Structure formats: C-alpha cells, structure tokens
Amino acid sequence: MNGPSGNASAGLAAWHRVLANGNRPEELAAILADNAVFHSPVVHTPQAGKATVVAYLAAAGQVLGGEQFRYVRELVDGRDVLLEFKTQIDGIHINGVDLIRFDESGKISDFKVMIRPLKAINKVWEAMAAQLGRASG
C-alpha cells in the first residue's frame, strides 16, 4: 500500500480533528466535497450530496461516537483510507470499517461504512433510524 497523497493526508487529519471536536455538522460540511456520497450499511442506495452526507455522518456520530468508539487500524493507499473501528451500543459489540476516498483537494468525496456482526448491524439500523428521525424532526 502507498502512503496518503498530500491532500488525502490533510483530509484524513481533518476527519480525525472533526471527530475529536464532537462531529459537529458545520465542521463535517467543511471537509466534504459538494458531490460527496455516503454508502450506509443499512440503506439500499447510496446517499448523494453534501447536506445528505452531513446528516448521515452527524447521526452516525451520535449513535456510534460514544466514549467506547475508537479506531483500531488505519490503512492508506493514495486517496483511499480504511479505518477499522470498534464500539459498543447497549452491550452489543460493534466492529466496522469506514472506507473513505478523498478528492484532489483533500475533501471527502466517498464514505462507505461496513459493520459486523449481524446483531450489531441490526442495532445500528434501529439507532440510526431513530436518530435520523429526530434530526428531521
């Protein structure tokens, strides 16, 4: 695997900074490309557009981003990054990966989440549906 390209390296650092600052929507928007696409582990079709991706990532931050959330592995190949994470919701252990692609300016253009095991994906689906419902209000 190759190391990150310069702009991807800056983009990855920005992603980690946004998470450390609480995953706020305005900060998420600043690091996303206008044409960003989000691939949910529980939604059939890709979700396109900055505002939609912000909504999904903000909800995921609320659902998954508690004190137990941590990245345990990072693989980088040019503009593509794989971040393996572990967390827990209601006693259910969750293991997943974030696959992130950065555009030439270092902004996130594609974000894909995969989660295991099945019990975890069902819990995340339930919690994300509730969080997105509250957010849309």
N, C-alpha and C. Protein backbone atom coordinates (compact mmCIF):
# COMPACT_ATOMS: atom_id res chain seq x y z
N MET A 1 0.83 -1.18 0.00
CA MET A 1 0.00 0.00 0.00
C MET A 1 0.87 1.24 0.00
N ASN A 2 0.42 2.24 -0.69
CA ASN A 2 1.11 3.51 -0.72
C ASN A 2 0.65 4.38 0.43
N GLY A 3 1.46 5.37 0.79
CA GLY A 3 1.05 6.34 1.79
C GLY A 3 0.03 7.29 1.20
N PRO A 4 -0.52 8.16 2.05
CA PRO A 4 -1.52 9.09 1.55
C PRO A 4 -0.91 10.13 0.63
N SER A 5 -1.69 10.54 -0.37
CA SER A 5 -1.25 11.69 -1.16
C SER A 5 -1.32 12.90 -0.23
N GLY A 6 -0.66 13.98 -0.59
CA GLY A 6 -0.62 15.16 0.26
C GLY A 6 -2.00 15.65 0.68
N ASN A 7 -2.92 15.76 -0.28
CA ASN A 7 -4.25 16.26 0.03
C ASN A 7 -5.05 15.25 0.84
N ALA A 8 -4.87 13.96 0.58
CA ALA A 8 -5.56 12.94 1.36
C ALA A 8 -5.05 12.95 2.80
N SER A 9 -3.77 13.17 2.96
CA SER A 9 -3.20 13.23 4.30
C SER A 9 -3.82 14.38 5.09
N ALA A 10 -3.96 15.53 4.45
CA ALA A 10 -4.60 16.68 5.11
C ALA A 10 -6.07 16.38 5.38
N GLY A 11 -6.73 15.71 4.43
CA GLY A 11 -8.14 15.35 4.61
C GLY A 11 -8.34 14.38 5.76
N LEU A 12 -7.45 13.39 5.87
CA LEU A 12 -7.55 12.42 6.95
C LEU A 12 -7.32 13.11 8.30
N ALA A 13 -6.36 14.00 8.35
CA ALA A 13 -6.12 14.75 9.59
C ALA A 13 -7.35 15.58 9.95
N ALA A 14 -8.00 16.18 8.95
CA ALA A 14 -9.21 16.97 9.19
C ALA A 14 -10.33 16.08 9.72
N TRP A 15 -10.49 14.87 9.16
CA TRP A 15 -11.51 13.93 9.63
C TRP A 15 -11.29 13.60 11.12
N HIS A 16 -10.06 13.27 11.48
CA HIS A 16 -9.77 12.96 12.88
C HIS A 16 -10.03 14.17 13.78
N ARG A 17 -9.72 15.36 13.30
CA ARG A 17 -9.96 16.58 14.07
C ARG A 17 -11.45 16.82 14.29
N VAL A 18 -12.25 16.62 13.24
CA VAL A 18 -13.71 16.80 13.35
C VAL A 18 -14.27 15.82 14.38
N LEU A 19 -13.83 14.57 14.34
CA LEU A 19 -14.30 13.60 15.33
C LEU A 19 -13.91 14.00 16.74
N ALA A 20 -12.68 14.44 16.91
CA ALA A 20 -12.20 14.85 18.24
C ALA A 20 -12.98 16.05 18.77
N ASN A 21 -13.48 16.89 17.87
CA ASN A 21 -14.23 18.09 18.27
C ASN A 21 -15.72 17.83 18.45
N GLY A 22 -16.16 16.58 18.33
CA GLY A 22 -17.56 16.27 18.59
C GLY A 22 -18.42 16.04 17.36
N ASN A 23 -17.81 15.95 16.17
CA ASN A 23 -18.56 15.57 14.97
C ASN A 23 -19.69 16.56 14.66
N ARG A 24 -19.42 17.84 14.78
CA ARG A 24 -20.45 18.87 14.56
C ARG A 24 -20.75 19.03 13.07
N PRO A 25 -22.04 19.19 12.74
CA PRO A 25 -22.44 19.28 11.33
C PRO A 25 -21.70 20.35 10.53
N GLU A 26 -21.48 21.52 11.11
CA GLU A 26 -20.80 22.58 10.35
C GLU A 26 -19.36 22.21 10.05
N GLU A 27 -18.71 21.48 10.96
CA GLU A 27 -17.35 21.03 10.70
C GLU A 27 -17.33 19.89 9.69
N LEU A 28 -18.32 19.01 9.76
CA LEU A 28 -18.43 17.94 8.75
C LEU A 28 -18.59 18.55 7.36
N ALA A 29 -19.47 19.53 7.24
CA ALA A 29 -19.72 20.15 5.94
C ALA A 29 -18.45 20.74 5.34
N ALA A 30 -17.59 21.27 6.19
CA ALA A 30 -16.36 21.91 5.71
C ALA A 30 -15.36 20.92 5.12
N ILE A 31 -15.46 19.64 5.48
CA ILE A 31 -14.48 18.67 4.99
C ILE A 31 -15.06 17.74 3.92
N LEU A 32 -16.30 17.99 3.51
CA LEU A 32 -16.96 17.17 2.48
C LEU A 32 -16.98 17.88 1.13
N ALA A 33 -16.76 17.12 0.08
CA ALA A 33 -16.94 17.65 -1.28
C ALA A 33 -18.43 17.90 -1.50
N ASP A 34 -18.76 18.85 -2.36
CA ASP A 34 -20.16 19.15 -2.65
C ASP A 34 -20.90 17.94 -3.20
N ASN A 35 -20.20 17.09 -3.94
CA ASN A 35 -20.82 15.92 -4.56
C ASN A 35 -20.54 14.63 -3.77
N ALA A 36 -20.30 14.76 -2.47
CA ALA A 36 -19.98 13.61 -1.63
C ALA A 36 -21.11 12.58 -1.67
N VAL A 37 -20.72 11.32 -1.50
CA VAL A 37 -21.67 10.20 -1.49
C VAL A 37 -21.42 9.37 -0.24
N PHE A 38 -22.51 8.98 0.43
CA PHE A 38 -22.43 8.13 1.62
C PHE A 38 -23.08 6.79 1.31
N HIS A 39 -22.38 5.70 1.64
CA HIS A 39 -22.89 4.35 1.46
C HIS A 39 -23.14 3.77 2.85
N SER A 40 -24.40 3.67 3.21
CA SER A 40 -24.79 3.17 4.52
C SER A 40 -24.80 1.64 4.51
N PRO A 41 -24.50 1.04 5.66
CA PRO A 41 -24.60 -0.42 5.72
C PRO A 41 -26.04 -0.92 5.75
N VAL A 42 -27.00 0.00 5.92
CA VAL A 42 -28.40 -0.44 6.04
C VAL A 42 -29.36 0.21 5.05
N VAL A 43 -28.86 1.10 4.20
CA VAL A 43 -29.70 1.75 3.20
C VAL A 43 -29.30 1.21 1.83
N HIS A 44 -30.28 0.83 1.03
CA HIS A 44 -30.03 0.15 -0.25
C HIS A 44 -29.26 1.01 -1.25
N THR A 45 -29.59 2.28 -1.34
CA THR A 45 -28.98 3.14 -2.36
C THR A 45 -27.98 4.11 -1.74
N PRO A 46 -26.95 4.48 -2.49
CA PRO A 46 -26.02 5.50 -2.00
C PRO A 46 -26.76 6.82 -1.77
N GLN A 47 -26.34 7.55 -0.76
CA GLN A 47 -26.94 8.83 -0.41
C GLN A 47 -26.01 9.93 -0.90
N ALA A 48 -26.47 10.75 -1.84
CA ALA A 48 -25.60 11.72 -2.51
C ALA A 48 -25.91 13.14 -2.09
N GLY A 49 -24.86 13.97 -2.11
CA GLY A 49 -24.97 15.39 -1.82
C GLY A 49 -24.47 15.73 -0.43
N LYS A 50 -23.81 16.87 -0.33
CA LYS A 50 -23.18 17.26 0.93
C LYS A 50 -24.16 17.28 2.10
N ALA A 51 -25.33 17.90 1.93
CA ALA A 51 -26.27 18.02 3.05
C ALA A 51 -26.73 16.64 3.54
N THR A 52 -26.98 15.74 2.62
CA THR A 52 -27.41 14.38 2.98
C THR A 52 -26.29 13.64 3.71
N VAL A 53 -25.08 13.75 3.20
CA VAL A 53 -23.94 13.07 3.83
C VAL A 53 -23.69 13.64 5.22
N VAL A 54 -23.80 14.95 5.38
CA VAL A 54 -23.66 15.56 6.70
C VAL A 54 -24.68 14.96 7.66
N ALA A 55 -25.94 14.85 7.22
CA ALA A 55 -26.99 14.30 8.09
C ALA A 55 -26.65 12.88 8.53
N TYR A 56 -26.21 12.05 7.60
CA TYR A 56 -25.87 10.66 7.95
C TYR A 56 -24.65 10.59 8.86
N LEU A 57 -23.61 11.34 8.56
CA LEU A 57 -22.40 11.28 9.39
C LEU A 57 -22.65 11.88 10.77
N ALA A 58 -23.46 12.93 10.86
CA ALA A 58 -23.79 13.51 12.17
C ALA A 58 -24.59 12.50 12.99
N ALA A 59 -25.55 11.84 12.36
CA ALA A 59 -26.34 10.82 13.06
C ALA A 59 -25.45 9.66 13.50
N ALA A 60 -24.55 9.23 12.63
CA ALA A 60 -23.64 8.14 12.99
C ALA A 60 -22.76 8.54 14.16
N GLY A 61 -22.35 9.80 14.19
CA GLY A 61 -21.55 10.28 15.31
C GLY A 61 -22.31 10.20 16.62
N GLN A 62 -23.61 10.52 16.58
CA GLN A 62 -24.44 10.42 17.78
C GLN A 62 -24.64 8.96 18.19
N VAL A 63 -24.84 8.09 17.23
CA VAL A 63 -25.14 6.68 17.51
C VAL A 63 -23.88 5.91 17.90
N LEU A 64 -22.80 6.08 17.15
CA LEU A 64 -21.61 5.26 17.34
C LEU A 64 -20.48 5.94 18.11
N GLY A 65 -20.53 7.26 18.18
CA GLY A 65 -19.37 8.01 18.64
C GLY A 65 -19.24 8.23 20.12
N GLY A 66 -19.73 7.32 20.93
CA GLY A 66 -19.60 7.47 22.37
C GLY A 66 -18.17 7.26 22.84
N GLU A 67 -18.02 7.20 24.15
CA GLU A 67 -16.69 7.05 24.74
C GLU A 67 -16.00 5.75 24.33
N GLN A 68 -16.77 4.74 23.95
CA GLN A 68 -16.19 3.45 23.59
C GLN A 68 -15.65 3.42 22.16
N PHE A 69 -16.05 4.39 21.33
CA PHE A 69 -15.64 4.38 19.92
C PHE A 69 -14.14 4.63 19.81
N ARG A 70 -13.49 3.78 19.02
CA ARG A 70 -12.07 4.00 18.74
C ARG A 70 -11.70 3.34 17.42
N TYR A 71 -10.82 4.01 16.70
CA TYR A 71 -10.24 3.39 15.51
C TYR A 71 -9.09 2.50 15.98
N VAL A 72 -9.04 1.28 15.44
CA VAL A 72 -8.02 0.32 15.86
C VAL A 72 -7.04 -0.03 14.74
N ARG A 73 -7.37 0.39 13.51
CA ARG A 73 -6.46 0.12 12.39
C ARG A 73 -6.70 1.16 11.31
N GLU A 74 -5.62 1.55 10.66
CA GLU A 74 -5.70 2.54 9.58
C GLU A 74 -4.83 2.06 8.42
N LEU A 75 -5.44 1.93 7.25
CA LEU A 75 -4.72 1.56 6.04
C LEU A 75 -4.92 2.67 5.02
N VAL A 76 -3.84 3.09 4.40
CA VAL A 76 -3.91 4.21 3.47
C VAL A 76 -3.27 3.80 2.15
N ASP A 77 -3.96 4.12 1.06
CA ASP A 77 -3.43 3.86 -0.28
C ASP A 77 -3.78 5.06 -1.16
N GLY A 78 -2.86 6.00 -1.27
CA GLY A 78 -3.12 7.20 -2.07
C GLY A 78 -4.26 8.01 -1.49
N ARG A 79 -5.36 8.11 -2.24
CA ARG A 79 -6.52 8.90 -1.79
C ARG A 79 -7.55 8.05 -1.06
N ASP A 80 -7.29 6.76 -0.89
CA ASP A 80 -8.23 5.85 -0.23
C ASP A 80 -7.72 5.47 1.15
N VAL A 81 -8.65 5.49 2.12
CA VAL A 81 -8.31 5.18 3.50
C VAL A 81 -9.32 4.18 4.05
N LEU A 82 -8.84 3.19 4.78
CA LEU A 82 -9.70 2.27 5.51
C LEU A 82 -9.40 2.46 6.99
N LEU A 83 -10.44 2.76 7.75
CA LEU A 83 -10.31 2.93 9.20
C LEU A 83 -11.19 1.89 9.88
N GLU A 84 -10.58 0.93 10.55
CA GLU A 84 -11.36 -0.07 11.29
C GLU A 84 -11.70 0.50 12.66
N PHE A 85 -12.95 0.32 13.08
CA PHE A 85 -13.36 0.83 14.39
C PHE A 85 -14.03 -0.24 15.22
N LYS A 86 -14.05 0.03 16.53
CA LYS A 86 -14.78 -0.78 17.50
C LYS A 86 -15.54 0.16 18.41
N THR A 87 -16.72 -0.27 18.80
CA THR A 87 -17.52 0.48 19.75
C THR A 87 -18.53 -0.48 20.36
N GLN A 88 -19.45 0.07 21.13
CA GLN A 88 -20.46 -0.74 21.79
C GLN A 88 -21.72 0.09 21.96
N ILE A 89 -22.87 -0.52 21.70
CA ILE A 89 -24.16 0.11 21.95
C ILE A 89 -25.00 -0.87 22.75
N ASP A 90 -25.49 -0.43 23.89
CA ASP A 90 -26.36 -1.27 24.73
C ASP A 90 -25.78 -2.67 24.94
N GLY A 91 -24.48 -2.73 25.18
CA GLY A 91 -23.83 -4.00 25.45
C GLY A 91 -23.51 -4.84 24.22
N ILE A 92 -23.86 -4.36 23.04
CA ILE A 92 -23.58 -5.09 21.81
C ILE A 92 -22.26 -4.56 21.22
N HIS A 93 -21.32 -5.46 21.04
CA HIS A 93 -20.02 -5.09 20.48
C HIS A 93 -20.15 -4.91 18.97
N ILE A 94 -19.61 -3.81 18.49
CA ILE A 94 -19.70 -3.46 17.08
C ILE A 94 -18.29 -3.34 16.52
N ASN A 95 -18.08 -3.96 15.38
CA ASN A 95 -16.81 -3.87 14.67
C ASN A 95 -17.14 -3.42 13.26
N GLY A 96 -16.45 -2.41 12.78
CA GLY A 96 -16.76 -1.92 11.44
C GLY A 96 -15.58 -1.25 10.79
N VAL A 97 -15.81 -0.84 9.55
CA VAL A 97 -14.79 -0.10 8.82
C VAL A 97 -15.43 1.10 8.13
N ASP A 98 -14.69 2.18 8.11
CA ASP A 98 -15.02 3.35 7.30
C ASP A 98 -14.06 3.33 6.12
N LEU A 99 -14.60 3.30 4.91
CA LEU A 99 -13.80 3.40 3.69
C LEU A 99 -14.00 4.80 3.15
N ILE A 100 -12.95 5.58 3.13
CA ILE A 100 -13.06 6.98 2.77
C ILE A 100 -12.19 7.26 1.56
N ARG A 101 -12.75 7.98 0.59
CA ARG A 101 -11.97 8.45 -0.56
C ARG A 101 -11.96 9.98 -0.50
N PHE A 102 -10.79 10.53 -0.70
CA PHE A 102 -10.61 11.98 -0.71
C PHE A 102 -10.43 12.45 -2.15
N ASP A 103 -10.99 13.61 -2.45
CA ASP A 103 -10.79 14.17 -3.79
C ASP A 103 -9.43 14.87 -3.86
N GLU A 104 -9.15 15.46 -5.01
CA GLU A 104 -7.84 16.08 -5.21
C GLU A 104 -7.59 17.28 -4.31
N SER A 105 -8.66 17.85 -3.72
CA SER A 105 -8.49 18.98 -2.80
C SER A 105 -8.44 18.54 -1.34
N GLY A 106 -8.52 17.22 -1.09
CA GLY A 106 -8.44 16.70 0.27
C GLY A 106 -9.78 16.61 0.98
N LYS A 107 -10.88 16.84 0.25
CA LYS A 107 -12.21 16.72 0.85
C LYS A 107 -12.75 15.31 0.64
N ILE A 108 -13.61 14.89 1.54
CA ILE A 108 -14.20 13.55 1.44
C ILE A 108 -15.19 13.53 0.28
N SER A 109 -14.95 12.63 -0.67
CA SER A 109 -15.86 12.51 -1.81
C SER A 109 -16.72 11.25 -1.72
N ASP A 110 -16.26 10.25 -0.99
CA ASP A 110 -16.99 9.00 -0.87
C ASP A 110 -16.72 8.41 0.51
N PHE A 111 -17.79 7.99 1.19
CA PHE A 111 -17.68 7.46 2.55
C PHE A 111 -18.56 6.22 2.63
N LYS A 112 -17.95 5.08 2.86
CA LYS A 112 -18.69 3.81 2.94
C LYS A 112 -18.45 3.19 4.31
N VAL A 113 -19.54 2.71 4.92
CA VAL A 113 -19.45 2.07 6.23
C VAL A 113 -19.89 0.62 6.11
N MET A 114 -19.11 -0.26 6.71
CA MET A 114 -19.48 -1.68 6.81
C MET A 114 -19.38 -2.06 8.28
N ILE A 115 -20.35 -2.86 8.73
CA ILE A 115 -20.43 -3.22 10.15
C ILE A 115 -20.71 -4.71 10.29
N ARG A 116 -20.17 -5.30 11.34
CA ARG A 116 -20.42 -6.69 11.70
C ARG A 116 -20.53 -6.78 13.20
N PRO A 117 -21.03 -7.80 13.80
CA PRO A 117 -21.80 -8.89 13.24
C PRO A 117 -23.25 -8.48 12.98
N LEU A 118 -24.09 -9.42 12.57
CA LEU A 118 -25.48 -9.12 12.23
C LEU A 118 -26.22 -8.46 13.39
N LYS A 119 -26.00 -8.93 14.59
CA LYS A 119 -26.65 -8.34 15.77
C LYS A 119 -26.29 -6.86 15.88
N ALA A 120 -25.05 -6.53 15.57
CA ALA A 120 -24.59 -5.14 15.62
C ALA A 120 -25.24 -4.31 14.53
N ILE A 121 -25.32 -4.83 13.32
CA ILE A 121 -25.91 -4.06 12.22
C ILE A 121 -27.38 -3.80 12.49
N ASN A 122 -28.07 -4.77 13.08
CA ASN A 122 -29.47 -4.55 13.42
C ASN A 122 -29.62 -3.46 14.47
N LYS A 123 -28.74 -3.43 15.45
CA LYS A 123 -28.78 -2.40 16.50
C LYS A 123 -28.46 -1.03 15.90
N VAL A 124 -27.47 -0.96 15.04
CA VAL A 124 -27.12 0.31 14.40
C VAL A 124 -28.27 0.80 13.53
N TRP A 125 -28.89 -0.08 12.78
CA TRP A 125 -30.03 0.30 11.94
C TRP A 125 -31.14 0.92 12.79
N GLU A 126 -31.47 0.26 13.89
CA GLU A 126 -32.51 0.76 14.79
C GLU A 126 -32.14 2.14 15.35
N ALA A 127 -30.92 2.28 15.83
CA ALA A 127 -30.48 3.54 16.44
C ALA A 127 -30.35 4.66 15.40
N MET A 128 -29.86 4.35 14.21
CA MET A 128 -29.73 5.36 13.16
C MET A 128 -31.09 5.84 12.69
N ALA A 129 -32.06 4.94 12.54
CA ALA A 129 -33.40 5.34 12.13
C ALA A 129 -34.00 6.30 13.15
N ALA A 130 -33.82 6.00 14.43
CA ALA A 130 -34.33 6.88 15.47
C ALA A 130 -33.62 8.23 15.44
N GLN A 131 -32.30 8.24 15.29
CA GLN A 131 -31.53 9.49 15.29
C GLN A 131 -31.87 10.34 14.07
N LEU A 132 -31.96 9.74 12.90
CA LEU A 132 -32.31 10.50 11.70
C LEU A 132 -33.74 11.03 11.79
N GLY A 133 -34.63 10.27 12.41
CA GLY A 133 -36.00 10.73 12.62
C GLY A 133 -36.05 11.95 13.52
N ARG A 134 -35.25 11.94 14.60
CA ARG A 134 -35.19 13.10 15.50
C ARG A 134 -34.59 14.30 14.78
N ALA A 135 -33.56 14.07 13.98
CA ALA A 135 -32.89 15.17 13.29
C ALA A 135 -33.79 15.84 12.26
N SER A 136 -34.65 15.05 11.62
CA SER A 136 -35.52 15.64 10.60
C SER A 136 -36.79 16.20 11.21
N GLY A 137 -37.01 15.86 12.45
CA GLY A 137 -37.96 16.36 13.26
C GLY A 137 -39.29 16.62 13.35
